[in-house]
């Protein structure tokens, strides 16, 4: 389960992002963007995140996951669309020179902090 490795990295990044001058800092929420092709199961990631965050300033934080749809552009005719099926052929010209525009993301958008 690679979600544990991802969760551990998210916790590490969140802890390292806490300013040194904060008194009793606590991470409240971490907002992620996860593409549908990133091979991440959101529920598994949340489960692993809760385990990885135990007894740290991230313990109890909400992991907010925004799933990003797969979108593509045909390099032949420039048509853009959201990919709904695992068929990577342009629906306009049947071209097969496809550029993936989104769907592979695994990004931390923001980390929300609070002082106690």
PDB file of N, CA and C in Angstrom:
ATOM      1  N   UNK A   1       0.858  -1.176   0.000  1.00  0.00           N
ATOM      2  CA  UNK A   1       0.000   0.000   0.000  1.00  0.00           C
ATOM      3  C   UNK A   1       0.901   1.236   0.000  1.00  0.00           C
ATOM      4  N   UNK A   2       1.043   1.874  -1.151  1.00  0.00           N
ATOM      5  CA  UNK A   2       1.909   3.046  -1.252  1.00  0.00           C
ATOM      6  C   UNK A   2       1.287   4.290  -0.616  1.00  0.00           C
ATOM      7  N   UNK A   3       0.013   4.228  -0.254  1.00  0.00           N
ATOM      8  CA  UNK A   3      -0.624   5.361   0.404  1.00  0.00           C
ATOM      9  C   UNK A   3       0.052   5.704   1.727  1.00  0.00           C
ATOM     10  N   UNK A   4       0.630   4.705   2.418  1.00  0.00           N
ATOM     11  CA  UNK A   4       1.319   4.991   3.681  1.00  0.00           C
ATOM     12  C   UNK A   4       2.556   5.858   3.436  1.00  0.00           C
ATOM     13  N   UNK A   5       3.297   5.575   2.391  1.00  0.00           N
ATOM     14  CA  UNK A   5       4.455   6.397   2.053  1.00  0.00           C
ATOM     15  C   UNK A   5       4.049   7.819   1.693  1.00  0.00           C
ATOM     16  N   UNK A   6       2.957   7.953   0.962  1.00  0.00           N
ATOM     17  CA  UNK A   6       2.446   9.277   0.593  1.00  0.00           C
ATOM     18  C   UNK A   6       1.983  10.019   1.838  1.00  0.00           C
ATOM     19  N   UNK A   7       1.251   9.327   2.705  1.00  0.00           N
ATOM     20  CA  UNK A   7       0.755   9.953   3.945  1.00  0.00           C
ATOM     21  C   UNK A   7       1.900  10.413   4.825  1.00  0.00           C
ATOM     22  N   UNK A   8       2.934   9.611   4.931  1.00  0.00           N
ATOM     23  CA  UNK A   8       4.108   9.972   5.743  1.00  0.00           C
ATOM     24  C   UNK A   8       4.773  11.231   5.199  1.00  0.00           C
ATOM     25  N   UNK A   9       4.877  11.330   3.883  1.00  0.00           N
ATOM     26  CA  UNK A   9       5.465  12.525   3.263  1.00  0.00           C
ATOM     27  C   UNK A   9       4.598  13.760   3.487  1.00  0.00           C
ATOM     28  N   UNK A  10       3.280  13.600   3.396  1.00  0.00           N
ATOM     29  CA  UNK A  10       2.376  14.730   3.639  1.00  0.00           C
ATOM     30  C   UNK A  10       2.546  15.239   5.063  1.00  0.00           C
ATOM     31  N   UNK A  11       2.627  14.330   6.021  1.00  0.00           N
ATOM     32  CA  UNK A  11       2.825  14.719   7.427  1.00  0.00           C
ATOM     33  C   UNK A  11       4.161  15.425   7.589  1.00  0.00           C
ATOM     34  N   UNK A  12       5.217  14.896   6.985  1.00  0.00           N
ATOM     35  CA  UNK A  12       6.543  15.523   7.087  1.00  0.00           C
ATOM     36  C   UNK A  12       6.527  16.940   6.511  1.00  0.00           C
ATOM     37  N   UNK A  13       5.933  17.096   5.349  1.00  0.00           N
ATOM     38  CA  UNK A  13       5.862  18.419   4.716  1.00  0.00           C
ATOM     39  C   UNK A  13       5.056  19.380   5.580  1.00  0.00           C
ATOM     40  N   UNK A  14       3.944  18.906   6.138  1.00  0.00           N
ATOM     41  CA  UNK A  14       3.108  19.761   6.987  1.00  0.00           C
ATOM     42  C   UNK A  14       3.873  20.216   8.225  1.00  0.00           C
ATOM     43  N   UNK A  15       4.589  19.312   8.859  1.00  0.00           N
ATOM     44  CA  UNK A  15       5.358  19.664  10.060  1.00  0.00           C
ATOM     45  C   UNK A  15       6.459  20.659   9.712  1.00  0.00           C
ATOM     46  N   UNK A  16       7.141  20.437   8.600  1.00  0.00           N
ATOM     47  CA  UNK A  16       8.216  21.346   8.182  1.00  0.00           C
ATOM     48  C   UNK A  16       7.700  22.718   7.771  1.00  0.00           C
ATOM     49  N   UNK A  17       6.429  22.822   7.444  1.00  0.00           N
ATOM     50  CA  UNK A  17       5.874  24.110   7.023  1.00  0.00           C
ATOM     51  C   UNK A  17       5.445  24.984   8.200  1.00  0.00           C
ATOM     52  N   UNK A  18       5.464  24.448   9.393  1.00  0.00           N
ATOM     53  CA  UNK A  18       5.048  25.218  10.572  1.00  0.00           C
ATOM     54  C   UNK A  18       6.135  26.245  10.900  1.00  0.00           C
ATOM     55  N   UNK A  19       5.795  27.521  10.954  1.00  0.00           N
ATOM     56  CA  UNK A  19       6.782  28.552  11.287  1.00  0.00           C
ATOM     57  C   UNK A  19       7.358  28.319  12.696  1.00  0.00           C
ATOM     58  N   UNK A  20       8.643  28.550  12.831  1.00  0.00           N
ATOM     59  CA  UNK A  20       9.339  28.308  14.100  1.00  0.00           C
ATOM     60  C   UNK A  20       8.828  29.197  15.231  1.00  0.00           C
ATOM     61  N   UNK A  21       8.270  30.357  14.913  1.00  0.00           N
ATOM     62  CA  UNK A  21       7.836  31.287  15.954  1.00  0.00           C
ATOM     63  C   UNK A  21       6.414  31.047  16.452  1.00  0.00           C
ATOM     64  N   UNK A  22       5.746  30.000  15.971  1.00  0.00           N
ATOM     65  CA  UNK A  22       4.382  29.707  16.435  1.00  0.00           C
ATOM     66  C   UNK A  22       4.432  29.026  17.804  1.00  0.00           C
ATOM     67  N   UNK A  23       3.491  29.412  18.669  1.00  0.00           N
ATOM     68  CA  UNK A  23       3.370  28.816  19.989  1.00  0.00           C
ATOM     69  C   UNK A  23       2.319  27.712  19.934  1.00  0.00           C
ATOM     70  N   UNK A  24       2.709  26.511  20.329  1.00  0.00           N
ATOM     71  CA  UNK A  24       1.815  25.345  20.325  1.00  0.00           C
ATOM     72  C   UNK A  24       1.056  25.215  19.001  1.00  0.00           C
ATOM     73  N   UNK A  25       1.780  25.062  17.899  1.00  0.00           N
ATOM     74  CA  UNK A  25       1.114  24.987  16.591  1.00  0.00           C
ATOM     75  C   UNK A  25       0.350  23.680  16.415  1.00  0.00           C
ATOM     76  N   UNK A  26      -0.677  23.774  15.596  1.00  0.00           N
ATOM     77  CA  UNK A  26      -1.494  22.605  15.270  1.00  0.00           C
ATOM     78  C   UNK A  26      -1.940  22.738  13.825  1.00  0.00           C
ATOM     79  N   UNK A  27      -1.795  21.675  13.075  1.00  0.00           N
ATOM     80  CA  UNK A  27      -2.298  21.658  11.703  1.00  0.00           C
ATOM     81  C   UNK A  27      -3.776  21.302  11.764  1.00  0.00           C
ATOM     82  N   UNK A  28      -4.610  22.151  11.188  1.00  0.00           N
ATOM     83  CA  UNK A  28      -6.064  21.967  11.224  1.00  0.00           C
ATOM     84  C   UNK A  28      -6.542  21.187   9.996  1.00  0.00           C
ATOM     85  N   UNK A  29      -6.034  21.559   8.830  1.00  0.00           N
ATOM     86  CA  UNK A  29      -6.496  20.944   7.586  1.00  0.00           C
ATOM     87  C   UNK A  29      -5.378  20.976   6.559  1.00  0.00           C
ATOM     88  N   UNK A  30      -5.318  19.924   5.771  1.00  0.00           N
ATOM     89  CA  UNK A  30      -4.413  19.866   4.626  1.00  0.00           C
ATOM     90  C   UNK A  30      -5.285  19.625   3.400  1.00  0.00           C
ATOM     91  N   UNK A  31      -5.162  20.519   2.422  1.00  0.00           N
ATOM     92  CA  UNK A  31      -5.953  20.434   1.195  1.00  0.00           C
ATOM     93  C   UNK A  31      -5.078  19.867   0.077  1.00  0.00           C
ATOM     94  N   UNK A  32      -5.528  18.741  -0.482  1.00  0.00           N
ATOM     95  CA  UNK A  32      -4.789  18.064  -1.547  1.00  0.00           C
ATOM     96  C   UNK A  32      -5.569  18.082  -2.848  1.00  0.00           C
ATOM     97  N   UNK A  33      -4.827  18.046  -3.950  1.00  0.00           N
ATOM     98  CA  UNK A  33      -5.402  17.789  -5.273  1.00  0.00           C
ATOM     99  C   UNK A  33      -4.824  16.449  -5.715  1.00  0.00           C
ATOM    100  N   UNK A  34      -5.710  15.490  -6.003  1.00  0.00           N
ATOM    101  CA  UNK A  34      -5.277  14.158  -6.413  1.00  0.00           C
ATOM    102  C   UNK A  34      -5.956  13.810  -7.728  1.00  0.00           C
ATOM    103  N   UNK A  35      -5.157  13.591  -8.751  1.00  0.00           N
ATOM    104  CA  UNK A  35      -5.689  13.223 -10.053  1.00  0.00           C
ATOM    105  C   UNK A  35      -6.199  11.793 -10.069  1.00  0.00           C
ATOM    106  N   UNK A  36      -7.188  11.555 -10.909  1.00  0.00           N
ATOM    107  CA  UNK A  36      -7.780  10.225 -11.001  1.00  0.00           C
ATOM    108  C   UNK A  36      -6.794   9.182 -11.523  1.00  0.00           C
ATOM    109  N   UNK A  37      -5.728   9.609 -12.188  1.00  0.00           N
ATOM    110  CA  UNK A  37      -4.707   8.675 -12.674  1.00  0.00           C
ATOM    111  C   UNK A  37      -3.511   8.569 -11.732  1.00  0.00           C
ATOM    112  N   UNK A  38      -3.583   9.169 -10.563  1.00  0.00           N
ATOM    113  CA  UNK A  38      -2.456   9.162  -9.631  1.00  0.00           C
ATOM    114  C   UNK A  38      -2.316   7.841  -8.882  1.00  0.00           C
ATOM    115  N   UNK A  39      -3.228   6.920  -9.089  1.00  0.00           N
ATOM    116  CA  UNK A  39      -3.200   5.600  -8.441  1.00  0.00           C
ATOM    117  C   UNK A  39      -3.235   5.718  -6.923  1.00  0.00           C
ATOM    118  N   UNK A  40      -4.059   6.645  -6.434  1.00  0.00           N
ATOM    119  CA  UNK A  40      -4.229   6.848  -5.000  1.00  0.00           C
ATOM    120  C   UNK A  40      -5.692   6.607  -4.656  1.00  0.00           C
ATOM    121  N   UNK A  41      -5.923   5.777  -3.655  1.00  0.00           N
ATOM    122  CA  UNK A  41      -7.277   5.519  -3.179  1.00  0.00           C
ATOM    123  C   UNK A  41      -7.530   6.486  -2.019  1.00  0.00           C
ATOM    124  N   UNK A  42      -8.423   7.472  -2.198  1.00  0.00           N
ATOM    125  CA  UNK A  42      -8.623   8.504  -1.176  1.00  0.00           C
ATOM    126  C   UNK A  42      -8.911   7.960   0.229  1.00  0.00           C
ATOM    127  N   UNK A  43      -9.774   6.968   0.353  1.00  0.00           N
ATOM    128  CA  UNK A  43     -10.079   6.429   1.679  1.00  0.00           C
ATOM    129  C   UNK A  43      -8.859   5.769   2.317  1.00  0.00           C
ATOM    130  N   UNK A  44      -8.059   5.078   1.524  1.00  0.00           N
ATOM    131  CA  UNK A  44      -6.825   4.473   2.043  1.00  0.00           C
ATOM    132  C   UNK A  44      -5.837   5.545   2.471  1.00  0.00           C
ATOM    133  N   UNK A  45      -5.747   6.615   1.688  1.00  0.00           N
ATOM    134  CA  UNK A  45      -4.837   7.703   2.029  1.00  0.00           C
ATOM    135  C   UNK A  45      -5.257   8.369   3.336  1.00  0.00           C
ATOM    136  N   UNK A  46      -6.549   8.595   3.519  1.00  0.00           N
ATOM    137  CA  UNK A  46      -7.038   9.189   4.781  1.00  0.00           C
ATOM    138  C   UNK A  46      -6.720   8.280   5.970  1.00  0.00           C
ATOM    139  N   UNK A  47      -6.945   6.978   5.806  1.00  0.00           N
ATOM    140  CA  UNK A  47      -6.660   6.016   6.863  1.00  0.00           C
ATOM    141  C   UNK A  47      -5.175   6.053   7.239  1.00  0.00           C
ATOM    142  N   UNK A  48      -4.314   5.998   6.237  1.00  0.00           N
ATOM    143  CA  UNK A  48      -2.866   6.024   6.473  1.00  0.00           C
ATOM    144  C   UNK A  48      -2.425   7.362   7.070  1.00  0.00           C
ATOM    145  N   UNK A  49      -3.041   8.441   6.610  1.00  0.00           N
ATOM    146  CA  UNK A  49      -2.723   9.771   7.125  1.00  0.00           C
ATOM    147  C   UNK A  49      -3.002   9.849   8.624  1.00  0.00           C
ATOM    148  N   UNK A  50      -4.146   9.329   9.052  1.00  0.00           N
ATOM    149  CA  UNK A  50      -4.488   9.349  10.479  1.00  0.00           C
ATOM    150  C   UNK A  50      -3.453   8.592  11.307  1.00  0.00           C
ATOM    151  N   UNK A  51      -2.951   7.495  10.781  1.00  0.00           N
ATOM    152  CA  UNK A  51      -1.927   6.713  11.486  1.00  0.00           C
ATOM    153  C   UNK A  51      -0.600   7.472  11.498  1.00  0.00           C
ATOM    154  N   UNK A  52      -0.192   8.006  10.360  1.00  0.00           N
ATOM    155  CA  UNK A  52       1.097   8.707  10.250  1.00  0.00           C
ATOM    156  C   UNK A  52       1.135   9.984  11.077  1.00  0.00           C
ATOM    157  N   UNK A  53      -0.030  10.597  11.297  1.00  0.00           N
ATOM    158  CA  UNK A  53      -0.093  11.881  12.009  1.00  0.00           C
ATOM    159  C   UNK A  53      -0.128  11.728  13.524  1.00  0.00           C
ATOM    160  N   UNK A  54      -0.304  10.524  14.036  1.00  0.00           N
ATOM    161  CA  UNK A  54      -0.440  10.313  15.484  1.00  0.00           C
ATOM    162  C   UNK A  54       0.704  10.959  16.256  1.00  0.00           C
ATOM    163  N   UNK A  55       0.332  11.605  17.357  1.00  0.00           N
ATOM    164  CA  UNK A  55       1.271  12.216  18.309  1.00  0.00           C
ATOM    165  C   UNK A  55       2.215  13.213  17.649  1.00  0.00           C
ATOM    166  N   UNK A  56       1.672  13.965  16.705  1.00  0.00           N
ATOM    167  CA  UNK A  56       2.438  15.032  16.056  1.00  0.00           C
ATOM    168  C   UNK A  56       1.534  16.258  15.980  1.00  0.00           C
ATOM    169  N   UNK A  57       2.076  17.405  15.571  1.00  0.00           N
ATOM    170  CA  UNK A  57       1.226  18.599  15.410  1.00  0.00           C
ATOM    171  C   UNK A  57       0.151  18.432  14.326  1.00  0.00           C
ATOM    172  N   UNK A  58       0.207  17.331  13.578  1.00  0.00           N
ATOM    173  CA  UNK A  58      -0.749  17.079  12.508  1.00  0.00           C
ATOM    174  C   UNK A  58      -1.886  16.162  12.996  1.00  0.00           C
ATOM    175  N   UNK A  59      -1.717  15.582  14.167  1.00  0.00           N
ATOM    176  CA  UNK A  59      -2.712  14.660  14.724  1.00  0.00           C
ATOM    177  C   UNK A  59      -4.076  15.344  14.821  1.00  0.00           C
ATOM    178  N   UNK A  60      -5.089  14.729  14.241  1.00  0.00           N
ATOM    179  CA  UNK A  60      -6.442  15.278  14.271  1.00  0.00           C
ATOM    180  C   UNK A  60      -6.775  16.200  13.113  1.00  0.00           C
ATOM    181  N   UNK A  61      -5.798  16.485  12.258  1.00  0.00           N
ATOM    182  CA  UNK A  61      -6.048  17.370  11.115  1.00  0.00           C
ATOM    183  C   UNK A  61      -6.947  16.679  10.094  1.00  0.00           C
ATOM    184  N   UNK A  62      -7.732  17.487   9.412  1.00  0.00           N
ATOM    185  CA  UNK A  62      -8.579  16.974   8.333  1.00  0.00           C
ATOM    186  C   UNK A  62      -7.752  16.903   7.054  1.00  0.00           C
ATOM    187  N   UNK A  63      -7.848  15.790   6.357  1.00  0.00           N
ATOM    188  CA  UNK A  63      -7.211  15.651   5.053  1.00  0.00           C
ATOM    189  C   UNK A  63      -8.309  15.808   4.005  1.00  0.00           C
ATOM    190  N   UNK A  64      -8.342  16.981   3.393  1.00  0.00           N
ATOM    191  CA  UNK A  64      -9.361  17.307   2.397  1.00  0.00           C
ATOM    192  C   UNK A  64      -8.801  16.975   1.013  1.00  0.00           C
ATOM    193  N   UNK A  65      -9.431  16.020   0.341  1.00  0.00           N
ATOM    194  CA  UNK A  65      -8.935  15.559  -0.958  1.00  0.00           C
ATOM    195  C   UNK A  65      -9.902  15.983  -2.059  1.00  0.00           C
ATOM    196  N   UNK A  66      -9.374  16.766  -2.988  1.00  0.00           N
ATOM    197  CA  UNK A  66     -10.142  17.184  -4.166  1.00  0.00           C
ATOM    198  C   UNK A  66      -9.652  16.335  -5.339  1.00  0.00           C
ATOM    199  N   UNK A  67     -10.549  15.507  -5.879  1.00  0.00           N
ATOM    200  CA  UNK A  67     -10.170  14.674  -7.012  1.00  0.00           C
ATOM    201  C   UNK A  67     -10.201  15.492  -8.301  1.00  0.00           C
ATOM    202  N   UNK A  68      -9.180  15.306  -9.122  1.00  0.00           N
ATOM    203  CA  UNK A  68      -9.054  16.036 -10.379  1.00  0.00           C
ATOM    204  C   UNK A  68      -9.330  15.071 -11.530  1.00  0.00           C
ATOM    205  N   UNK A  69     -10.272  15.446 -12.380  1.00  0.00           N
ATOM    206  CA  UNK A  69     -10.642  14.622 -13.529  1.00  0.00           C
ATOM    207  C   UNK A  69      -9.504  14.565 -14.542  1.00  0.00           C
ATOM    208  N   UNK A  70      -9.549  13.545 -15.360  1.00  0.00           N
ATOM    209  CA  UNK A  70      -8.566  13.384 -16.425  1.00  0.00           C
ATOM    210  C   UNK A  70      -9.032  14.205 -17.619  1.00  0.00           C
ATOM    211  N   UNK A  71      -8.191  15.118 -18.057  1.00  0.00           N
ATOM    212  CA  UNK A  71      -8.509  15.882 -19.264  1.00  0.00           C
ATOM    213  C   UNK A  71      -7.341  15.782 -20.236  1.00  0.00           C
ATOM    214  N   UNK A  72      -7.671  15.880 -21.502  1.00  0.00           N
ATOM    215  CA  UNK A  72      -6.665  15.687 -22.553  1.00  0.00           C
ATOM    216  C   UNK A  72      -6.873  16.680 -23.685  1.00  0.00           C
ATOM    217  N   UNK A  73      -5.827  16.779 -24.506  1.00  0.00           N
ATOM    218  CA  UNK A  73      -5.870  17.630 -25.705  1.00  0.00           C
ATOM    219  C   UNK A  73      -5.259  16.844 -26.848  1.00  0.00           C
ATOM    220  N   UNK A  74      -5.922  16.910 -27.976  1.00  0.00           N
ATOM    221  CA  UNK A  74      -5.414  16.255 -29.178  1.00  0.00           C
ATOM    222  C   UNK A  74      -4.363  17.167 -29.816  1.00  0.00           C
ATOM    223  N   UNK A  75      -3.207  16.638 -30.050  1.00  0.00           N
ATOM    224  CA  UNK A  75      -2.147  17.440 -30.673  1.00  0.00           C
ATOM    225  C   UNK A  75      -2.404  17.686 -32.157  1.00  0.00           C
ATOM    226  N   UNK A  76      -3.262  16.869 -32.750  1.00  0.00           N
ATOM    227  CA  UNK A  76      -3.562  17.030 -34.183  1.00  0.00           C
ATOM    228  C   UNK A  76      -4.574  18.147 -34.428  1.00  0.00           C
ATOM    229  N   UNK A  77      -5.721  18.108 -33.707  1.00  0.00           N
ATOM    230  CA  UNK A  77      -6.785  19.082 -33.978  1.00  0.00           C
ATOM    231  C   UNK A  77      -7.007  20.075 -32.830  1.00  0.00           C
ATOM    232  N   UNK A  78      -6.262  19.948 -31.734  1.00  0.00           N
ATOM    233  CA  UNK A  78      -6.326  20.842 -30.576  1.00  0.00           C
ATOM    234  C   UNK A  78      -7.608  20.708 -29.746  1.00  0.00           C
ATOM    235  N   UNK A  79      -8.433  19.723 -30.023  1.00  0.00           N
ATOM    236  CA  UNK A  79      -9.665  19.500 -29.260  1.00  0.00           C
ATOM    237  C   UNK A  79      -9.303  19.110 -27.820  1.00  0.00           C
ATOM    238  N   UNK A  80     -10.049  19.669 -26.853  1.00  0.00           N
ATOM    239  CA  UNK A  80      -9.869  19.354 -25.433  1.00  0.00           C
ATOM    240  C   UNK A  80     -11.132  18.682 -24.907  1.00  0.00           C
ATOM    241  N   UNK A  81     -10.951  17.695 -24.013  1.00  0.00           N
ATOM    242  CA  UNK A  81     -12.097  17.001 -23.438  1.00  0.00           C
ATOM    243  C   UNK A  81     -11.700  16.307 -22.141  1.00  0.00           C
ATOM    244  N   UNK A  82     -12.734  15.930 -21.366  1.00  0.00           N
ATOM    245  CA  UNK A  82     -12.508  15.128 -20.172  1.00  0.00           C
ATOM    246  C   UNK A  82     -12.610  13.666 -20.566  1.00  0.00           C
ATOM    247  N   UNK A  83     -11.613  12.907 -20.167  1.00  0.00           N
ATOM    248  CA  UNK A  83     -11.551  11.495 -20.503  1.00  0.00           C
ATOM    249  C   UNK A  83     -12.413  10.734 -19.499  1.00  0.00           C
ATOM    250  N   UNK A  84     -13.443  10.058 -20.007  1.00  0.00           N
ATOM    251  CA  UNK A  84     -14.360   9.318 -19.133  1.00  0.00           C
ATOM    252  C   UNK A  84     -14.089   7.818 -19.162  1.00  0.00           C
ATOM    253  N   UNK A  85     -13.459   7.348 -20.213  1.00  0.00           N
ATOM    254  CA  UNK A  85     -13.169   5.926 -20.374  1.00  0.00           C
ATOM    255  C   UNK A  85     -11.679   5.760 -20.660  1.00  0.00           C
ATOM    256  N   UNK A  86     -11.151   4.572 -20.439  1.00  0.00           N
ATOM    257  CA  UNK A  86      -9.720   4.366 -20.694  1.00  0.00           C
ATOM    258  C   UNK A  86      -9.395   4.229 -22.190  1.00  0.00           C
ATOM    259  N   UNK A  87      -9.962   5.123 -22.982  1.00  0.00           N
ATOM    260  CA  UNK A  87      -9.698   5.161 -24.421  1.00  0.00           C
ATOM    261  C   UNK A  87      -9.094   6.526 -24.718  1.00  0.00           C
ATOM    262  N   UNK A  88      -7.852   6.542 -25.144  1.00  0.00           N
ATOM    263  CA  UNK A  88      -7.152   7.796 -25.360  1.00  0.00           C
ATOM    264  C   UNK A  88      -7.028   8.090 -26.848  1.00  0.00           C
ATOM    265  N   UNK A  89      -8.209   8.276 -27.461  1.00  0.00           N
ATOM    266  CA  UNK A  89      -8.307   8.644 -28.867  1.00  0.00           C
ATOM    267  C   UNK A  89      -9.205   9.869 -28.932  1.00  0.00           C
ATOM    268  N   UNK A  90      -8.820  10.834 -29.728  1.00  0.00           N
ATOM    269  CA  UNK A  90      -9.583  12.073 -29.839  1.00  0.00           C
ATOM    270  C   UNK A  90     -10.991  11.786 -30.355  1.00  0.00           C
ATOM    271  N   UNK A  91     -12.014  12.256 -29.629  1.00  0.00           N
ATOM    272  CA  UNK A  91     -13.391  12.039 -30.082  1.00  0.00           C
ATOM    273  C   UNK A  91     -13.767  12.892 -31.304  1.00  0.00           C
ATOM    274  N   UNK A  92     -12.942  13.871 -31.635  1.00  0.00           N
ATOM    275  CA  UNK A  92     -13.234  14.739 -32.793  1.00  0.00           C
ATOM    276  C   UNK A  92     -12.631  14.194 -34.085  1.00  0.00           C
ATOM    277  N   UNK A  93     -11.333  13.860 -34.035  1.00  0.00           N
ATOM    278  CA  UNK A  93     -10.644  13.481 -35.276  1.00  0.00           C
ATOM    279  C   UNK A  93     -10.116  12.046 -35.265  1.00  0.00           C
ATOM    280  N   UNK A  94     -10.349  11.334 -34.164  1.00  0.00           N
ATOM    281  CA  UNK A  94      -9.847   9.962 -33.976  1.00  0.00           C
ATOM    282  C   UNK A  94      -8.329   9.888 -33.959  1.00  0.00           C
ATOM    283  N   UNK A  95      -7.680  11.029 -33.713  1.00  0.00           N
ATOM    284  CA  UNK A  95      -6.230  11.051 -33.619  1.00  0.00           C
ATOM    285  C   UNK A  95      -5.748  10.368 -32.348  1.00  0.00           C
ATOM    286  N   UNK A  96      -4.507   9.885 -32.374  1.00  0.00           N
ATOM    287  CA  UNK A  96      -3.952   9.203 -31.207  1.00  0.00           C
ATOM    288  C   UNK A  96      -2.737   9.913 -30.613  1.00  0.00           C
ATOM    289  N   UNK A  97      -2.553  11.160 -31.001  1.00  0.00           N
ATOM    290  CA  UNK A  97      -1.457  11.948 -30.428  1.00  0.00           C
ATOM    291  C   UNK A  97      -2.053  12.841 -29.337  1.00  0.00           C
ATOM    292  N   UNK A  98      -2.208  12.262 -28.173  1.00  0.00           N
ATOM    293  CA  UNK A  98      -2.925  12.880 -27.065  1.00  0.00           C
ATOM    294  C   UNK A  98      -1.947  13.408 -26.020  1.00  0.00           C
ATOM    295  N   UNK A  99      -2.231  14.591 -25.529  1.00  0.00           N
ATOM    296  CA  UNK A  99      -1.460  15.181 -24.431  1.00  0.00           C
ATOM    297  C   UNK A  99      -2.355  15.213 -23.189  1.00  0.00           C
ATOM    298  N   UNK A 100      -1.883  14.652 -22.087  1.00  0.00           N
ATOM    299  CA  UNK A 100      -2.632  14.670 -20.830  1.00  0.00           C
ATOM    300  C   UNK A 100      -2.469  16.052 -20.196  1.00  0.00           C
ATOM    301  N   UNK A 101      -3.579  16.710 -19.905  1.00  0.00           N
ATOM    302  CA  UNK A 101      -3.547  18.039 -19.296  1.00  0.00           C
ATOM    303  C   UNK A 101      -3.726  17.978 -17.786  1.00  0.00           C
ATOM    304  N   UNK A 102      -4.515  17.027 -17.312  1.00  0.00           N
ATOM    305  CA  UNK A 102      -4.712  16.870 -15.872  1.00  0.00           C
ATOM    306  C   UNK A 102      -5.114  15.434 -15.580  1.00  0.00           C
ATOM    307  N   UNK A 103      -4.994  15.074 -14.310  1.00  0.00           N
ATOM    308  CA  UNK A 103      -5.388  13.750 -13.881  1.00  0.00           C
ATOM    309  C   UNK A 103      -4.288  12.970 -13.203  1.00  0.00           C
ATOM    310  N   UNK A 104      -3.052  13.489 -13.246  1.00  0.00           N
ATOM    311  CA  UNK A 104      -1.923  12.819 -12.595  1.00  0.00           C
ATOM    312  C   UNK A 104      -1.446  13.551 -11.339  1.00  0.00           C
ATOM    313  N   UNK A 105      -2.120  14.615 -10.970  1.00  0.00           N
ATOM    314  CA  UNK A 105      -1.673  15.462  -9.851  1.00  0.00           C
ATOM    315  C   UNK A 105      -1.657  14.699  -8.530  1.00  0.00           C
ATOM    316  N   UNK A 106      -0.737  15.111  -7.700  1.00  0.00           N
ATOM    317  CA  UNK A 106      -0.710  14.726  -6.290  1.00  0.00           C
ATOM    318  C   UNK A 106      -0.024  15.901  -5.595  1.00  0.00           C
ATOM    319  N   UNK A 107      -0.808  16.956  -5.338  1.00  0.00           N
ATOM    320  CA  UNK A 107      -0.268  18.229  -4.865  1.00  0.00           C
ATOM    321  C   UNK A 107      -0.911  18.658  -3.555  1.00  0.00           C
ATOM    322  N   UNK A 108      -0.099  19.210  -2.676  1.00  0.00           N
ATOM    323  CA  UNK A 108      -0.629  19.874  -1.491  1.00  0.00           C
ATOM    324  C   UNK A 108      -0.971  21.293  -1.925  1.00  0.00           C
ATOM    325  N   UNK A 109      -2.257  21.637  -1.885  1.00  0.00           N
ATOM    326  CA  UNK A 109      -2.685  22.988  -2.261  1.00  0.00           C
ATOM    327  C   UNK A 109      -2.438  23.967  -1.135  1.00  0.00           C
ATOM    328  N   UNK A 110      -2.775  23.559   0.103  1.00  0.00           N
ATOM    329  CA  UNK A 110      -2.589  24.452   1.237  1.00  0.00           C
ATOM    330  C   UNK A 110      -2.587  23.654   2.538  1.00  0.00           C
ATOM    331  N   UNK A 111      -1.990  24.286   3.556  1.00  0.00           N
ATOM    332  CA  UNK A 111      -1.942  23.717   4.910  1.00  0.00           C
ATOM    333  C   UNK A 111      -2.454  24.789   5.836  1.00  0.00           C
ATOM    334  N   UNK A 112      -3.517  24.472   6.573  1.00  0.00           N
ATOM    335  CA  UNK A 112      -4.127  25.435   7.485  1.00  0.00           C
ATOM    336  C   UNK A 112      -3.636  25.157   8.913  1.00  0.00           C
ATOM    337  N   UNK A 113      -3.142  26.208   9.563  1.00  0.00           N
ATOM    338  CA  UNK A 113      -2.565  26.097  10.889  1.00  0.00           C
ATOM    339  C   UNK A 113      -3.368  26.880  11.925  1.00  0.00           C
ATOM    340  N   UNK A 114      -3.193  26.477  13.184  1.00  0.00           N
ATOM    341  CA  UNK A 114      -3.798  27.221  14.308  1.00  0.00           C
ATOM    342  C   UNK A 114      -2.809  27.180  15.462  1.00  0.00           C
ATOM    343  N   UNK A 115      -2.886  28.227  16.298  1.00  0.00           N
ATOM    344  CA  UNK A 115      -2.105  28.267  17.537  1.00  0.00           C
ATOM    345  C   UNK A 115      -3.038  27.987  18.697  1.00  0.00           C
ATOM    346  N   UNK A 116      -2.552  27.235  19.636  1.00  0.00           N
ATOM    347  CA  UNK A 116      -3.393  26.933  20.816  1.00  0.00           C
ATOM    348  C   UNK A 116      -3.093  27.901  21.937  1.00  0.00           C
TER     349      UNK A 116
END
